[in-house]
Amino acid sequence: MKITIITVGKLKEKYLKDAIAEYSKRLSKYCKLEIVEVADEKTPENASEVVEDAIRSKEAERILKYVKEDAFVITLEIAGKQLTSEEFADKIEQLGVRGISHIIFIIGGSIGLGKEVLEKSDFALSFSKMTFPHQLMRVILLEQVYRSYRIISGQPYHK
């Protein structure tokens, strides 16, 4: 299985880079992992909805360059479906059973994803009703993907 994470913005914090490197290393025995960073747009303070829509559209254009037609696209959205770790593992496993060999996860920027990306989504996933920094979501997502593979392979994981 190939897992691609497309994310808006560059990581700056060393502790987040270190965590991502660790989970990338752990995941290497379960899947082929690719992380794609696309440039984010500067969002002015008190930006209007029209300005925010334009920003999301520009970011969406960059994201969609990396979305492959044969991939299953999962967008991270506050309004998406919340799953337990076991349900998430089952989702990944069932996609493989159905013959899907590439899953793309998309993490938007600070103001979310453009409608162009949302329209390409095969599944909207939410980790919480809370808002998290999009940089931190990379680590949380990688941890849950790793946990999923541990569950799928019957290996122990922390509950």
N, C-alpha and C. Protein backbone atom coordinates (compact mmCIF):
# COMPACT_ATOMS: atom_id res chain seq x y z
N MET A 1 0.85 -1.19 0.00
CA MET A 1 0.00 0.00 0.00
C MET A 1 0.89 1.24 0.00
N LYS A 2 0.49 2.21 -0.79
CA LYS A 2 1.18 3.50 -0.78
C LYS A 2 0.30 4.50 -0.05
N ILE A 3 0.89 5.22 0.86
CA ILE A 3 0.20 6.27 1.61
C ILE A 3 0.87 7.60 1.26
N THR A 4 0.07 8.53 0.76
CA THR A 4 0.58 9.88 0.48
C THR A 4 -0.15 10.85 1.39
N ILE A 5 0.60 11.72 2.01
CA ILE A 5 0.00 12.79 2.80
C ILE A 5 0.35 14.10 2.10
N ILE A 6 -0.70 14.78 1.65
CA ILE A 6 -0.52 16.08 1.01
C ILE A 6 -0.93 17.12 2.03
N THR A 7 -0.04 18.05 2.29
CA THR A 7 -0.30 19.01 3.35
C THR A 7 0.12 20.41 2.90
N VAL A 8 -0.61 21.38 3.40
CA VAL A 8 -0.35 22.78 3.05
C VAL A 8 0.62 23.38 4.06
N GLY A 9 1.69 23.98 3.56
CA GLY A 9 2.64 24.66 4.43
C GLY A 9 3.84 23.80 4.77
N LYS A 10 4.91 24.47 5.14
CA LYS A 10 6.16 23.80 5.51
C LYS A 10 6.24 23.67 7.03
N LEU A 11 6.85 22.58 7.46
CA LEU A 11 7.10 22.40 8.88
C LEU A 11 8.35 23.18 9.27
N LYS A 12 8.26 23.89 10.37
CA LYS A 12 9.42 24.65 10.85
C LYS A 12 9.97 24.08 12.16
N GLU A 13 9.09 23.55 12.99
CA GLU A 13 9.48 23.12 14.33
C GLU A 13 10.23 21.80 14.30
N LYS A 14 11.41 21.77 14.93
CA LYS A 14 12.26 20.58 14.94
C LYS A 14 11.55 19.40 15.62
N TYR A 15 10.86 19.66 16.71
CA TYR A 15 10.22 18.55 17.43
C TYR A 15 9.15 17.87 16.58
N LEU A 16 8.46 18.62 15.72
CA LEU A 16 7.47 18.01 14.82
C LEU A 16 8.18 17.24 13.70
N LYS A 17 9.26 17.80 13.18
CA LYS A 17 10.04 17.11 12.15
C LYS A 17 10.59 15.79 12.70
N ASP A 18 11.06 15.82 13.94
CA ASP A 18 11.60 14.61 14.57
C ASP A 18 10.51 13.54 14.73
N ALA A 19 9.32 13.96 15.15
CA ALA A 19 8.22 13.01 15.33
C ALA A 19 7.81 12.41 13.98
N ILE A 20 7.76 13.23 12.95
CA ILE A 20 7.39 12.74 11.62
C ILE A 20 8.46 11.77 11.10
N ALA A 21 9.72 12.09 11.33
CA ALA A 21 10.80 11.19 10.91
C ALA A 21 10.68 9.84 11.62
N GLU A 22 10.35 9.86 12.90
CA GLU A 22 10.21 8.62 13.67
C GLU A 22 9.05 7.77 13.14
N TYR A 23 7.89 8.37 12.93
CA TYR A 23 6.74 7.61 12.43
C TYR A 23 6.96 7.17 10.99
N SER A 24 7.66 7.97 10.21
CA SER A 24 7.98 7.57 8.82
C SER A 24 8.84 6.32 8.83
N LYS A 25 9.82 6.30 9.73
CA LYS A 25 10.70 5.13 9.86
C LYS A 25 9.89 3.90 10.29
N ARG A 26 9.04 4.06 11.28
CA ARG A 26 8.23 2.94 11.77
C ARG A 26 7.28 2.42 10.68
N LEU A 27 6.72 3.34 9.90
CA LEU A 27 5.76 2.94 8.86
C LEU A 27 6.43 2.25 7.67
N SER A 28 7.74 2.44 7.52
CA SER A 28 8.42 1.91 6.33
C SER A 28 8.29 0.39 6.20
N LYS A 29 8.05 -0.32 7.30
CA LYS A 29 7.89 -1.77 7.17
C LYS A 29 6.46 -2.18 6.80
N TYR A 30 5.54 -1.23 6.80
CA TYR A 30 4.14 -1.54 6.49
C TYR A 30 3.66 -0.98 5.15
N CYS A 31 4.21 0.16 4.73
CA CYS A 31 3.71 0.81 3.52
C CYS A 31 4.80 1.71 2.94
N LYS A 32 4.54 2.18 1.73
CA LYS A 32 5.41 3.17 1.11
C LYS A 32 4.79 4.53 1.43
N LEU A 33 5.51 5.36 2.13
CA LEU A 33 4.99 6.66 2.59
C LEU A 33 5.62 7.79 1.81
N GLU A 34 4.76 8.72 1.40
CA GLU A 34 5.22 9.93 0.73
C GLU A 34 4.53 11.12 1.39
N ILE A 35 5.31 12.15 1.73
CA ILE A 35 4.73 13.37 2.29
C ILE A 35 5.02 14.51 1.32
N VAL A 36 3.95 15.16 0.87
CA VAL A 36 4.06 16.25 -0.09
C VAL A 36 3.62 17.54 0.59
N GLU A 37 4.50 18.52 0.60
CA GLU A 37 4.16 19.84 1.14
C GLU A 37 3.92 20.79 -0.03
N VAL A 38 2.78 21.45 0.00
CA VAL A 38 2.52 22.49 -1.00
C VAL A 38 2.55 23.85 -0.29
N ALA A 39 2.91 24.87 -1.04
CA ALA A 39 3.02 26.21 -0.44
C ALA A 39 1.68 26.71 0.05
N ASP A 40 1.73 27.41 1.16
CA ASP A 40 0.51 28.02 1.69
C ASP A 40 0.48 29.48 1.26
N GLU A 41 -0.70 30.05 1.29
CA GLU A 41 -0.90 31.47 0.98
C GLU A 41 -0.96 32.24 2.29
N LYS A 42 -0.43 33.42 2.30
CA LYS A 42 -0.55 34.28 3.48
C LYS A 42 -2.00 34.72 3.59
N THR A 43 -2.56 34.55 4.79
CA THR A 43 -3.93 34.98 5.03
C THR A 43 -3.91 36.25 5.87
N PRO A 44 -4.40 37.35 5.32
CA PRO A 44 -4.41 38.60 6.09
C PRO A 44 -5.35 38.50 7.30
N GLU A 45 -5.01 39.26 8.34
CA GLU A 45 -5.90 39.33 9.50
C GLU A 45 -7.28 39.83 9.05
N ASN A 46 -8.32 39.30 9.63
CA ASN A 46 -9.70 39.71 9.33
C ASN A 46 -10.02 39.63 7.83
N ALA A 47 -9.50 38.60 7.18
CA ALA A 47 -9.76 38.42 5.74
C ALA A 47 -11.26 38.14 5.54
N SER A 48 -11.80 38.67 4.47
CA SER A 48 -13.20 38.44 4.15
C SER A 48 -13.37 37.00 3.65
N GLU A 49 -14.60 36.55 3.59
CA GLU A 49 -14.90 35.21 3.10
C GLU A 49 -14.45 35.07 1.63
N VAL A 50 -14.60 36.14 0.86
CA VAL A 50 -14.20 36.12 -0.55
C VAL A 50 -12.68 35.92 -0.65
N VAL A 51 -11.92 36.63 0.17
CA VAL A 51 -10.46 36.50 0.18
C VAL A 51 -10.07 35.09 0.63
N GLU A 52 -10.71 34.59 1.69
CA GLU A 52 -10.41 33.24 2.17
C GLU A 52 -10.73 32.19 1.11
N ASP A 53 -11.85 32.36 0.40
CA ASP A 53 -12.19 31.42 -0.69
C ASP A 53 -11.12 31.43 -1.77
N ALA A 54 -10.63 32.61 -2.11
CA ALA A 54 -9.58 32.73 -3.13
C ALA A 54 -8.29 32.03 -2.67
N ILE A 55 -7.96 32.18 -1.40
CA ILE A 55 -6.77 31.53 -0.83
C ILE A 55 -6.94 30.02 -0.87
N ARG A 56 -8.11 29.54 -0.43
CA ARG A 56 -8.36 28.09 -0.45
C ARG A 56 -8.29 27.54 -1.87
N SER A 57 -8.78 28.31 -2.85
CA SER A 57 -8.74 27.88 -4.25
C SER A 57 -7.31 27.77 -4.77
N LYS A 58 -6.47 28.75 -4.42
CA LYS A 58 -5.06 28.69 -4.84
C LYS A 58 -4.36 27.48 -4.23
N GLU A 59 -4.62 27.25 -2.93
CA GLU A 59 -4.00 26.10 -2.28
C GLU A 59 -4.56 24.80 -2.87
N ALA A 60 -5.84 24.78 -3.19
CA ALA A 60 -6.47 23.59 -3.79
C ALA A 60 -5.82 23.24 -5.12
N GLU A 61 -5.54 24.26 -5.91
CA GLU A 61 -4.89 24.04 -7.21
C GLU A 61 -3.55 23.33 -7.02
N ARG A 62 -2.80 23.77 -6.02
CA ARG A 62 -1.50 23.15 -5.73
C ARG A 62 -1.67 21.71 -5.25
N ILE A 63 -2.66 21.49 -4.39
CA ILE A 63 -2.92 20.15 -3.84
C ILE A 63 -3.31 19.19 -4.96
N LEU A 64 -4.22 19.62 -5.81
CA LEU A 64 -4.78 18.72 -6.82
C LEU A 64 -3.76 18.26 -7.86
N LYS A 65 -2.65 18.96 -7.99
CA LYS A 65 -1.58 18.52 -8.90
C LYS A 65 -1.03 17.16 -8.47
N TYR A 66 -1.18 16.83 -7.18
CA TYR A 66 -0.60 15.60 -6.64
C TYR A 66 -1.64 14.49 -6.42
N VAL A 67 -2.91 14.77 -6.71
CA VAL A 67 -3.96 13.77 -6.50
C VAL A 67 -4.05 12.89 -7.75
N LYS A 68 -3.81 11.60 -7.56
CA LYS A 68 -3.86 10.64 -8.65
C LYS A 68 -5.27 10.08 -8.77
N GLU A 69 -5.71 9.85 -9.99
CA GLU A 69 -7.09 9.39 -10.25
C GLU A 69 -7.39 8.03 -9.62
N ASP A 70 -6.39 7.14 -9.55
CA ASP A 70 -6.64 5.79 -9.03
C ASP A 70 -6.53 5.70 -7.52
N ALA A 71 -6.24 6.81 -6.86
CA ALA A 71 -6.06 6.81 -5.41
C ALA A 71 -7.39 7.04 -4.69
N PHE A 72 -7.49 6.55 -3.46
CA PHE A 72 -8.62 6.82 -2.58
C PHE A 72 -8.24 8.05 -1.77
N VAL A 73 -9.05 9.10 -1.86
CA VAL A 73 -8.71 10.38 -1.24
C VAL A 73 -9.49 10.56 0.07
N ILE A 74 -8.74 10.79 1.14
CA ILE A 74 -9.33 11.05 2.46
C ILE A 74 -8.93 12.46 2.87
N THR A 75 -9.93 13.32 3.04
CA THR A 75 -9.67 14.68 3.48
C THR A 75 -9.88 14.76 4.99
N LEU A 76 -9.04 15.53 5.66
CA LEU A 76 -9.22 15.76 7.09
C LEU A 76 -10.06 17.01 7.25
N GLU A 77 -11.23 16.83 7.86
CA GLU A 77 -12.20 17.92 8.00
C GLU A 77 -12.85 17.83 9.38
N ILE A 78 -13.05 18.98 9.99
CA ILE A 78 -13.72 19.00 11.30
C ILE A 78 -15.11 18.36 11.20
N ALA A 79 -15.79 18.56 10.07
CA ALA A 79 -17.15 18.03 9.90
C ALA A 79 -17.16 16.59 9.38
N GLY A 80 -15.98 15.97 9.24
CA GLY A 80 -15.90 14.60 8.74
C GLY A 80 -16.37 13.59 9.76
N LYS A 81 -16.28 12.32 9.39
CA LYS A 81 -16.70 11.22 10.26
C LYS A 81 -15.58 10.90 11.26
N GLN A 82 -15.97 10.75 12.50
CA GLN A 82 -15.00 10.37 13.53
C GLN A 82 -15.00 8.85 13.66
N LEU A 83 -13.80 8.27 13.74
CA LEU A 83 -13.63 6.83 13.85
C LEU A 83 -12.78 6.51 15.07
N THR A 84 -13.00 5.33 15.62
CA THR A 84 -12.07 4.84 16.64
C THR A 84 -10.80 4.37 15.91
N SER A 85 -9.75 4.11 16.64
CA SER A 85 -8.52 3.61 16.02
C SER A 85 -8.78 2.27 15.33
N GLU A 86 -9.61 1.44 15.94
CA GLU A 86 -9.94 0.14 15.34
C GLU A 86 -10.74 0.31 14.05
N GLU A 87 -11.68 1.24 14.05
CA GLU A 87 -12.46 1.51 12.83
C GLU A 87 -11.59 2.08 11.72
N PHE A 88 -10.64 2.93 12.10
CA PHE A 88 -9.72 3.50 11.13
C PHE A 88 -8.85 2.40 10.52
N ALA A 89 -8.35 1.50 11.38
CA ALA A 89 -7.56 0.36 10.89
C ALA A 89 -8.39 -0.49 9.93
N ASP A 90 -9.64 -0.73 10.30
CA ASP A 90 -10.53 -1.53 9.44
C ASP A 90 -10.75 -0.83 8.10
N LYS A 91 -10.89 0.48 8.12
CA LYS A 91 -11.08 1.25 6.88
C LYS A 91 -9.87 1.05 5.96
N ILE A 92 -8.67 1.18 6.50
CA ILE A 92 -7.45 1.01 5.70
C ILE A 92 -7.37 -0.43 5.18
N GLU A 93 -7.66 -1.39 6.04
CA GLU A 93 -7.59 -2.79 5.63
C GLU A 93 -8.61 -3.09 4.54
N GLN A 94 -9.84 -2.60 4.69
CA GLN A 94 -10.89 -2.86 3.70
C GLN A 94 -10.57 -2.22 2.35
N LEU A 95 -9.94 -1.06 2.36
CA LEU A 95 -9.53 -0.44 1.10
C LEU A 95 -8.55 -1.35 0.37
N GLY A 96 -7.61 -1.94 1.11
CA GLY A 96 -6.66 -2.88 0.52
C GLY A 96 -7.36 -4.11 -0.03
N VAL A 97 -8.33 -4.63 0.72
CA VAL A 97 -9.09 -5.80 0.28
C VAL A 97 -9.84 -5.49 -1.01
N ARG A 98 -10.32 -4.26 -1.14
CA ARG A 98 -11.04 -3.84 -2.35
C ARG A 98 -10.11 -3.58 -3.53
N GLY A 99 -8.82 -3.75 -3.31
CA GLY A 99 -7.86 -3.59 -4.40
C GLY A 99 -7.30 -2.19 -4.55
N ILE A 100 -7.58 -1.33 -3.58
CA ILE A 100 -7.03 0.03 -3.63
C ILE A 100 -5.62 -0.03 -3.06
N SER A 101 -4.66 0.44 -3.86
CA SER A 101 -3.26 0.33 -3.44
C SER A 101 -2.64 1.68 -3.09
N HIS A 102 -3.45 2.76 -3.18
CA HIS A 102 -2.92 4.09 -2.89
C HIS A 102 -3.98 4.90 -2.15
N ILE A 103 -3.64 5.35 -0.96
CA ILE A 103 -4.51 6.23 -0.18
C ILE A 103 -3.81 7.57 -0.06
N ILE A 104 -4.55 8.63 -0.38
CA ILE A 104 -4.03 9.98 -0.22
C ILE A 104 -4.81 10.67 0.91
N PHE A 105 -4.09 11.15 1.90
CA PHE A 105 -4.68 11.97 2.97
C PHE A 105 -4.35 13.42 2.66
N ILE A 106 -5.32 14.31 2.82
CA ILE A 106 -5.09 15.72 2.56
C ILE A 106 -5.39 16.54 3.81
N ILE A 107 -4.39 17.30 4.23
CA ILE A 107 -4.51 18.20 5.37
C ILE A 107 -4.44 19.63 4.84
N GLY A 108 -5.47 20.40 5.06
CA GLY A 108 -5.51 21.78 4.57
C GLY A 108 -4.67 22.72 5.41
N GLY A 109 -4.67 23.95 4.98
CA GLY A 109 -3.96 24.99 5.71
C GLY A 109 -4.78 25.53 6.87
N SER A 110 -4.39 26.67 7.38
CA SER A 110 -5.02 27.22 8.58
C SER A 110 -6.48 27.60 8.39
N ILE A 111 -6.92 27.82 7.14
CA ILE A 111 -8.33 28.17 6.93
C ILE A 111 -9.10 27.04 6.23
N GLY A 112 -8.50 25.86 6.19
CA GLY A 112 -9.21 24.70 5.67
C GLY A 112 -8.95 24.44 4.19
N LEU A 113 -9.77 23.53 3.64
CA LEU A 113 -9.61 23.07 2.27
C LEU A 113 -10.59 23.76 1.33
N GLY A 114 -10.16 23.97 0.12
CA GLY A 114 -11.02 24.55 -0.91
C GLY A 114 -12.05 23.56 -1.41
N LYS A 115 -13.15 24.08 -1.93
CA LYS A 115 -14.24 23.21 -2.40
C LYS A 115 -13.78 22.28 -3.51
N GLU A 116 -12.77 22.70 -4.29
CA GLU A 116 -12.25 21.86 -5.36
C GLU A 116 -11.65 20.57 -4.81
N VAL A 117 -11.00 20.67 -3.66
CA VAL A 117 -10.42 19.48 -3.01
C VAL A 117 -11.53 18.66 -2.36
N LEU A 118 -12.44 19.32 -1.68
CA LEU A 118 -13.53 18.61 -1.01
C LEU A 118 -14.35 17.78 -2.01
N GLU A 119 -14.49 18.29 -3.23
CA GLU A 119 -15.25 17.56 -4.26
C GLU A 119 -14.52 16.30 -4.71
N LYS A 120 -13.21 16.24 -4.57
CA LYS A 120 -12.41 15.07 -4.95
C LYS A 120 -12.33 14.02 -3.84
N SER A 121 -12.81 14.38 -2.66
CA SER A 121 -12.70 13.51 -1.49
C SER A 121 -13.61 12.29 -1.60
N ASP A 122 -13.04 11.12 -1.30
CA ASP A 122 -13.83 9.89 -1.22
C ASP A 122 -14.34 9.64 0.19
N PHE A 123 -13.67 10.26 1.16
CA PHE A 123 -14.06 10.07 2.56
C PHE A 123 -13.56 11.27 3.37
N ALA A 124 -14.44 11.87 4.15
CA ALA A 124 -14.08 12.98 5.03
C ALA A 124 -13.87 12.42 6.43
N LEU A 125 -12.68 12.63 6.97
CA LEU A 125 -12.30 12.10 8.27
C LEU A 125 -12.08 13.25 9.25
N SER A 126 -12.60 13.08 10.45
CA SER A 126 -12.38 14.06 11.51
C SER A 126 -11.71 13.37 12.69
N PHE A 127 -10.69 14.00 13.23
CA PHE A 127 -10.05 13.46 14.43
C PHE A 127 -10.70 14.00 15.69
N SER A 128 -11.43 15.09 15.56
CA SER A 128 -12.05 15.70 16.73
C SER A 128 -12.89 16.88 16.26
N LYS A 129 -13.80 17.32 17.13
CA LYS A 129 -14.51 18.57 16.85
C LYS A 129 -13.63 19.77 17.20
N MET A 130 -12.53 19.49 17.88
CA MET A 130 -11.59 20.55 18.23
C MET A 130 -10.74 20.91 17.01
N THR A 131 -10.17 22.09 17.03
CA THR A 131 -9.26 22.52 15.98
C THR A 131 -7.83 22.29 16.45
N PHE A 132 -7.03 21.69 15.56
CA PHE A 132 -5.61 21.47 15.85
C PHE A 132 -4.78 22.24 14.84
N PRO A 133 -3.56 22.63 15.22
CA PRO A 133 -2.67 23.24 14.23
C PRO A 133 -2.43 22.23 13.10
N HIS A 134 -2.49 22.68 11.85
CA HIS A 134 -2.37 21.73 10.75
C HIS A 134 -1.01 21.04 10.73
N GLN A 135 0.04 21.70 11.26
CA GLN A 135 1.35 21.05 11.33
C GLN A 135 1.31 19.86 12.30
N LEU A 136 0.64 20.04 13.43
CA LEU A 136 0.53 18.97 14.42
C LEU A 136 -0.32 17.81 13.89
N MET A 137 -1.28 18.12 13.03
CA MET A 137 -2.14 17.05 12.48
C MET A 137 -1.33 16.03 11.68
N ARG A 138 -0.22 16.45 11.10
CA ARG A 138 0.63 15.49 10.38
C ARG A 138 1.09 14.39 11.33
N VAL A 139 1.55 14.81 12.50
CA VAL A 139 2.06 13.85 13.49
C VAL A 139 0.92 12.97 13.97
N ILE A 140 -0.22 13.56 14.29
CA ILE A 140 -1.36 12.80 14.79
C ILE A 140 -1.81 11.79 13.72
N LEU A 141 -1.90 12.22 12.48
CA LEU A 141 -2.30 11.32 11.39
C LEU A 141 -1.31 10.18 11.23
N LEU A 142 -0.01 10.49 11.19
CA LEU A 142 0.99 9.44 11.04
C LEU A 142 0.94 8.44 12.19
N GLU A 143 0.72 8.95 13.40
CA GLU A 143 0.62 8.04 14.55
C GLU A 143 -0.57 7.10 14.38
N GLN A 144 -1.69 7.62 13.93
CA GLN A 144 -2.88 6.78 13.76
C GLN A 144 -2.74 5.80 12.59
N VAL A 145 -2.06 6.20 11.53
CA VAL A 145 -1.80 5.27 10.43
C VAL A 145 -0.89 4.14 10.93
N TYR A 146 0.14 4.51 11.68
CA TYR A 146 1.04 3.50 12.25
C TYR A 146 0.27 2.57 13.19
N ARG A 147 -0.55 3.14 14.06
CA ARG A 147 -1.35 2.34 14.98
C ARG A 147 -2.27 1.39 14.19
N SER A 148 -2.83 1.89 13.09
CA SER A 148 -3.71 1.07 12.26
C SER A 148 -2.98 -0.16 11.74
N TYR A 149 -1.78 0.05 11.23
CA TYR A 149 -1.01 -1.09 10.72
C TYR A 149 -0.65 -2.07 11.82
N ARG A 150 -0.39 -1.57 13.02
CA ARG A 150 -0.13 -2.47 14.16
C ARG A 150 -1.40 -3.30 14.47
N ILE A 151 -2.55 -2.66 14.44
CA ILE A 151 -3.81 -3.35 14.70
C ILE A 151 -4.06 -4.39 13.60
N ILE A 152 -3.91 -3.98 12.34
CA ILE A 152 -4.16 -4.89 11.20
C ILE A 152 -3.27 -6.12 11.28
N SER A 153 -2.02 -5.92 11.67
CA SER A 153 -1.08 -7.05 11.71
C SER A 153 -1.12 -7.82 13.03
N GLY A 154 -2.04 -7.44 13.91
CA GLY A 154 -2.21 -8.18 15.17
C GLY A 154 -1.11 -7.92 16.18
N GLN A 155 -0.37 -6.85 16.00
CA GLN A 155 0.71 -6.53 16.92
C GLN A 155 0.17 -5.64 18.05
N PRO A 156 0.84 -5.66 19.20
CA PRO A 156 0.35 -4.85 20.32
C PRO A 156 0.47 -3.35 20.03
N TYR A 157 -0.44 -2.61 20.62
CA TYR A 157 -0.42 -1.15 20.52
C TYR A 157 -0.99 -0.61 21.81
N HIS A 158 -0.67 0.62 22.13
CA HIS A 158 -1.16 1.22 23.37
C HIS A 158 -2.61 1.62 23.21
N LYS A 159 -3.42 1.27 24.22
CA LYS A 159 -4.84 1.64 24.18
C LYS A 159 -5.07 2.91 24.95
